[in-house]
PDB file of N, CA and C in Angstrom:
ATOM      1  N   UNK A   1       0.846  -1.190   0.000  1.00  0.00           N
ATOM      2  CA  UNK A   1       0.000   0.000   0.000  1.00  0.00           C
ATOM      3  C   UNK A   1       0.875   1.230   0.000  1.00  0.00           C
ATOM      4  N   UNK A   2       0.512   2.247  -0.775  1.00  0.00           N
ATOM      5  CA  UNK A   2       1.308   3.457  -0.910  1.00  0.00           C
ATOM      6  C   UNK A   2       1.255   4.286   0.370  1.00  0.00           C
ATOM      7  N   UNK A   3       2.329   4.982   0.619  1.00  0.00           N
ATOM      8  CA  UNK A   3       2.394   5.885   1.757  1.00  0.00           C
ATOM      9  C   UNK A   3       1.480   7.072   1.470  1.00  0.00           C
ATOM     10  N   UNK A   4       0.487   7.277   2.306  1.00  0.00           N
ATOM     11  CA  UNK A   4      -0.507   8.323   2.056  1.00  0.00           C
ATOM     12  C   UNK A   4       0.062   9.714   2.267  1.00  0.00           C
ATOM     13  N   UNK A   5       1.263   9.832   2.842  1.00  0.00           N
ATOM     14  CA  UNK A   5       1.855  11.144   3.052  1.00  0.00           C
ATOM     15  C   UNK A   5       2.724  11.575   1.872  1.00  0.00           C
ATOM     16  N   UNK A   6       2.932  10.697   0.896  1.00  0.00           N
ATOM     17  CA  UNK A   6       3.738  11.057  -0.263  1.00  0.00           C
ATOM     18  C   UNK A   6       2.993  12.087  -1.106  1.00  0.00           C
ATOM     19  N   UNK A   7       3.668  13.192  -1.413  1.00  0.00           N
ATOM     20  CA  UNK A   7       3.050  14.276  -2.166  1.00  0.00           C
ATOM     21  C   UNK A   7       2.737  13.832  -3.585  1.00  0.00           C
ATOM     22  N   UNK A   8       1.631  14.350  -4.103  1.00  0.00           N
ATOM     23  CA  UNK A   8       1.255  14.028  -5.469  1.00  0.00           C
ATOM     24  C   UNK A   8       1.429  15.251  -6.353  1.00  0.00           C
ATOM     25  N   UNK A   9       1.724  14.990  -7.607  1.00  0.00           N
ATOM     26  CA  UNK A   9       1.859  16.021  -8.626  1.00  0.00           C
ATOM     27  C   UNK A   9       0.978  15.599  -9.783  1.00  0.00           C
ATOM     28  N   UNK A  10       0.003  16.424 -10.106  1.00  0.00           N
ATOM     29  CA  UNK A  10      -0.907  16.133 -11.212  1.00  0.00           C
ATOM     30  C   UNK A  10      -1.579  14.780 -11.042  1.00  0.00           C
ATOM     31  N   UNK A  11      -1.900  14.449  -9.795  1.00  0.00           N
ATOM     32  CA  UNK A  11      -2.656  13.244  -9.496  1.00  0.00           C
ATOM     33  C   UNK A  11      -1.848  11.982  -9.285  1.00  0.00           C
ATOM     34  N   UNK A  12      -0.530  12.051  -9.419  1.00  0.00           N
ATOM     35  CA  UNK A  12       0.316  10.872  -9.226  1.00  0.00           C
ATOM     36  C   UNK A  12       1.471  11.197  -8.292  1.00  0.00           C
ATOM     37  N   UNK A  13       1.955  10.187  -7.595  1.00  0.00           N
ATOM     38  CA  UNK A  13       3.153  10.377  -6.787  1.00  0.00           C
ATOM     39  C   UNK A  13       4.364  10.353  -7.708  1.00  0.00           C
ATOM     40  N   UNK A  14       5.506  10.802  -7.212  1.00  0.00           N
ATOM     41  CA  UNK A  14       6.713  10.791  -8.029  1.00  0.00           C
ATOM     42  C   UNK A  14       7.091   9.371  -8.442  1.00  0.00           C
ATOM     43  N   UNK A  15       6.867   8.396  -7.574  1.00  0.00           N
ATOM     44  CA  UNK A  15       7.193   7.014  -7.946  1.00  0.00           C
ATOM     45  C   UNK A  15       6.271   6.519  -9.065  1.00  0.00           C
ATOM     46  N   UNK A  16       5.018   6.948  -9.061  1.00  0.00           N
ATOM     47  CA  UNK A  16       4.102   6.571 -10.144  1.00  0.00           C
ATOM     48  C   UNK A  16       4.517   7.251 -11.450  1.00  0.00           C
ATOM     49  N   UNK A  17       4.910   8.537 -11.363  1.00  0.00           N
ATOM     50  CA  UNK A  17       5.411   9.228 -12.548  1.00  0.00           C
ATOM     51  C   UNK A  17       6.651   8.516 -13.080  1.00  0.00           C
ATOM     52  N   UNK A  18       7.560   8.125 -12.183  1.00  0.00           N
ATOM     53  CA  UNK A  18       8.786   7.442 -12.586  1.00  0.00           C
ATOM     54  C   UNK A  18       8.466   6.186 -13.389  1.00  0.00           C
ATOM     55  N   UNK A  19       7.520   5.394 -12.929  1.00  0.00           N
ATOM     56  CA  UNK A  19       7.164   4.161 -13.639  1.00  0.00           C
ATOM     57  C   UNK A  19       6.567   4.458 -15.009  1.00  0.00           C
ATOM     58  N   UNK A  20       5.707   5.463 -15.092  1.00  0.00           N
ATOM     59  CA  UNK A  20       5.097   5.816 -16.383  1.00  0.00           C
ATOM     60  C   UNK A  20       6.132   6.349 -17.366  1.00  0.00           C
ATOM     61  N   UNK A  21       7.031   7.209 -16.881  1.00  0.00           N
ATOM     62  CA  UNK A  21       8.081   7.760 -17.740  1.00  0.00           C
ATOM     63  C   UNK A  21       9.007   6.647 -18.214  1.00  0.00           C
ATOM     64  N   UNK A  22       9.360   5.757 -17.303  1.00  0.00           N
ATOM     65  CA  UNK A  22      10.258   4.646 -17.654  1.00  0.00           C
ATOM     66  C   UNK A  22       9.620   3.755 -18.717  1.00  0.00           C
ATOM     67  N   UNK A  23       8.338   3.481 -18.568  1.00  0.00           N
ATOM     68  CA  UNK A  23       7.635   2.653 -19.547  1.00  0.00           C
ATOM     69  C   UNK A  23       7.627   3.320 -20.919  1.00  0.00           C
ATOM     70  N   UNK A  24       7.296   4.614 -20.952  1.00  0.00           N
ATOM     71  CA  UNK A  24       7.257   5.341 -22.221  1.00  0.00           C
ATOM     72  C   UNK A  24       8.638   5.420 -22.863  1.00  0.00           C
ATOM     73  N   UNK A  25       9.662   5.696 -22.070  1.00  0.00           N
ATOM     74  CA  UNK A  25      11.018   5.799 -22.608  1.00  0.00           C
ATOM     75  C   UNK A  25      11.493   4.454 -23.139  1.00  0.00           C
ATOM     76  N   UNK A  26      11.143   3.379 -22.459  1.00  0.00           N
ATOM     77  CA  UNK A  26      11.514   2.043 -22.922  1.00  0.00           C
ATOM     78  C   UNK A  26      10.819   1.731 -24.243  1.00  0.00           C
ATOM     79  N   UNK A  27       9.553   2.104 -24.357  1.00  0.00           N
ATOM     80  CA  UNK A  27       8.816   1.903 -25.611  1.00  0.00           C
ATOM     81  C   UNK A  27       9.434   2.681 -26.763  1.00  0.00           C
ATOM     82  N   UNK A  28      10.107   3.803 -26.439  1.00  0.00           N
ATOM     83  CA  UNK A  28      10.755   4.632 -27.462  1.00  0.00           C
ATOM     84  C   UNK A  28      12.181   4.160 -27.758  1.00  0.00           C
ATOM     85  N   UNK A  29      12.597   3.078 -27.110  1.00  0.00           N
ATOM     86  CA  UNK A  29      13.890   2.484 -27.428  1.00  0.00           C
ATOM     87  C   UNK A  29      15.038   2.858 -26.515  1.00  0.00           C
ATOM     88  N   UNK A  30      14.787   3.603 -25.452  1.00  0.00           N
ATOM     89  CA  UNK A  30      15.870   3.934 -24.537  1.00  0.00           C
ATOM     90  C   UNK A  30      16.157   2.751 -23.615  1.00  0.00           C
ATOM     91  N   UNK A  31      17.424   2.608 -23.248  1.00  0.00           N
ATOM     92  CA  UNK A  31      17.787   1.526 -22.336  1.00  0.00           C
ATOM     93  C   UNK A  31      19.063   1.894 -21.593  1.00  0.00           C
ATOM     94  N   UNK A  32      19.367   1.118 -20.597  1.00  0.00           N
ATOM     95  CA  UNK A  32      20.610   1.266 -19.850  1.00  0.00           C
ATOM     96  C   UNK A  32      20.763   2.620 -19.177  1.00  0.00           C
ATOM     97  N   UNK A  33      21.999   3.134 -19.233  1.00  0.00           N
ATOM     98  CA  UNK A  33      22.347   4.375 -18.557  1.00  0.00           C
ATOM     99  C   UNK A  33      21.550   5.564 -19.095  1.00  0.00           C
ATOM    100  N   UNK A  34      21.339   5.597 -20.397  1.00  0.00           N
ATOM    101  CA  UNK A  34      20.576   6.707 -20.995  1.00  0.00           C
ATOM    102  C   UNK A  34      19.151   6.707 -20.438  1.00  0.00           C
ATOM    103  N   UNK A  35      18.534   5.551 -20.373  1.00  0.00           N
ATOM    104  CA  UNK A  35      17.182   5.438 -19.827  1.00  0.00           C
ATOM    105  C   UNK A  35      17.138   5.964 -18.393  1.00  0.00           C
ATOM    106  N   UNK A  36      18.073   5.523 -17.573  1.00  0.00           N
ATOM    107  CA  UNK A  36      18.085   5.937 -16.165  1.00  0.00           C
ATOM    108  C   UNK A  36      18.302   7.441 -16.019  1.00  0.00           C
ATOM    109  N   UNK A  37      19.179   8.022 -16.843  1.00  0.00           N
ATOM    110  CA  UNK A  37      19.433   9.471 -16.774  1.00  0.00           C
ATOM    111  C   UNK A  37      18.201  10.260 -17.201  1.00  0.00           C
ATOM    112  N   UNK A  38      17.544   9.823 -18.262  1.00  0.00           N
ATOM    113  CA  UNK A  38      16.341  10.514 -18.747  1.00  0.00           C
ATOM    114  C   UNK A  38      15.233  10.451 -17.706  1.00  0.00           C
ATOM    115  N   UNK A  39      15.001   9.277 -17.150  1.00  0.00           N
ATOM    116  CA  UNK A  39      13.947   9.109 -16.148  1.00  0.00           C
ATOM    117  C   UNK A  39      14.250   9.960 -14.915  1.00  0.00           C
ATOM    118  N   UNK A  40      15.486   9.921 -14.438  1.00  0.00           N
ATOM    119  CA  UNK A  40      15.855  10.691 -13.247  1.00  0.00           C
ATOM    120  C   UNK A  40      15.660  12.187 -13.485  1.00  0.00           C
ATOM    121  N   UNK A  41      16.082  12.670 -14.637  1.00  0.00           N
ATOM    122  CA  UNK A  41      15.951  14.101 -14.942  1.00  0.00           C
ATOM    123  C   UNK A  41      14.479  14.496 -15.055  1.00  0.00           C
ATOM    124  N   UNK A  42      13.689  13.680 -15.713  1.00  0.00           N
ATOM    125  CA  UNK A  42      12.266  13.973 -15.865  1.00  0.00           C
ATOM    126  C   UNK A  42      11.572  14.024 -14.510  1.00  0.00           C
ATOM    127  N   UNK A  43      11.875  13.075 -13.642  1.00  0.00           N
ATOM    128  CA  UNK A  43      11.254  13.045 -12.319  1.00  0.00           C
ATOM    129  C   UNK A  43      11.708  14.250 -11.499  1.00  0.00           C
ATOM    130  N   UNK A  44      12.975  14.654 -11.635  1.00  0.00           N
ATOM    131  CA  UNK A  44      13.461  15.843 -10.930  1.00  0.00           C
ATOM    132  C   UNK A  44      12.718  17.098 -11.355  1.00  0.00           C
ATOM    133  N   UNK A  45      12.312  17.155 -12.621  1.00  0.00           N
ATOM    134  CA  UNK A  45      11.643  18.346 -13.141  1.00  0.00           C
ATOM    135  C   UNK A  45      10.169  18.442 -12.761  1.00  0.00           C
ATOM    136  N   UNK A  46       9.535  17.335 -12.482  1.00  0.00           N
ATOM    137  CA  UNK A  46       8.084  17.340 -12.218  1.00  0.00           C
ATOM    138  C   UNK A  46       7.684  18.335 -11.132  1.00  0.00           C
ATOM    139  N   UNK A  47       8.361  18.389  -9.983  1.00  0.00           N
ATOM    140  CA  UNK A  47       7.932  19.358  -8.963  1.00  0.00           C
ATOM    141  C   UNK A  47       8.123  20.817  -9.371  1.00  0.00           C
ATOM    142  N   UNK A  48       8.920  21.081 -10.392  1.00  0.00           N
ATOM    143  CA  UNK A  48       9.170  22.466 -10.799  1.00  0.00           C
ATOM    144  C   UNK A  48       8.183  22.963 -11.845  1.00  0.00           C
ATOM    145  N   UNK A  49       7.384  22.078 -12.400  1.00  0.00           N
ATOM    146  CA  UNK A  49       6.444  22.450 -13.459  1.00  0.00           C
ATOM    147  C   UNK A  49       5.244  23.163 -12.846  1.00  0.00           C
ATOM    148  N   UNK A  50       4.954  24.325 -13.384  1.00  0.00           N
ATOM    149  CA  UNK A  50       3.786  25.096 -12.934  1.00  0.00           C
ATOM    150  C   UNK A  50       2.853  25.258 -14.114  1.00  0.00           C
ATOM    151  N   UNK A  51       1.636  24.794 -13.978  1.00  0.00           N
ATOM    152  CA  UNK A  51       0.656  24.915 -15.050  1.00  0.00           C
ATOM    153  C   UNK A  51      -0.302  26.029 -14.684  1.00  0.00           C
ATOM    154  N   UNK A  52      -0.399  26.994 -15.586  1.00  0.00           N
ATOM    155  CA  UNK A  52      -1.330  28.110 -15.369  1.00  0.00           C
ATOM    156  C   UNK A  52      -2.570  27.873 -16.199  1.00  0.00           C
ATOM    157  N   UNK A  53      -3.627  28.511 -15.855  1.00  0.00           N
ATOM    158  CA  UNK A  53      -4.897  28.333 -16.543  1.00  0.00           C
ATOM    159  C   UNK A  53      -4.784  28.566 -18.057  1.00  0.00           C
ATOM    160  N   UNK A  54      -4.176  29.678 -18.531  1.00  0.00           N
ATOM    161  CA  UNK A  54      -4.067  29.882 -19.985  1.00  0.00           C
ATOM    162  C   UNK A  54      -3.226  28.792 -20.669  1.00  0.00           C
ATOM    163  N   UNK A  55      -2.245  28.250 -19.989  1.00  0.00           N
ATOM    164  CA  UNK A  55      -1.382  27.222 -20.589  1.00  0.00           C
ATOM    165  C   UNK A  55      -2.119  25.914 -20.801  1.00  0.00           C
ATOM    166  N   UNK A  56      -3.206  25.694 -20.104  1.00  0.00           N
ATOM    167  CA  UNK A  56      -3.952  24.453 -20.228  1.00  0.00           C
ATOM    168  C   UNK A  56      -4.834  24.441 -21.452  1.00  0.00           C
ATOM    169  N   UNK A  57      -5.031  25.580 -22.080  1.00  0.00           N
ATOM    170  CA  UNK A  57      -5.940  25.669 -23.223  1.00  0.00           C
ATOM    171  C   UNK A  57      -5.272  25.370 -24.513  1.00  0.00           C
TER     172      UNK A  57
END
């Protein structure tokens, strides 16, 4: 069971985002060290993303 205190971003925890990003990157042919670097960087960026109302349109 997931830790209920883990912060969510856009409806998912960072670990859930990590799994989704990893799956998508693997489907696009990334593997090994490149895959891990891309996933780590993407997950690091998630908390910094700010979506404003006009940007959603």
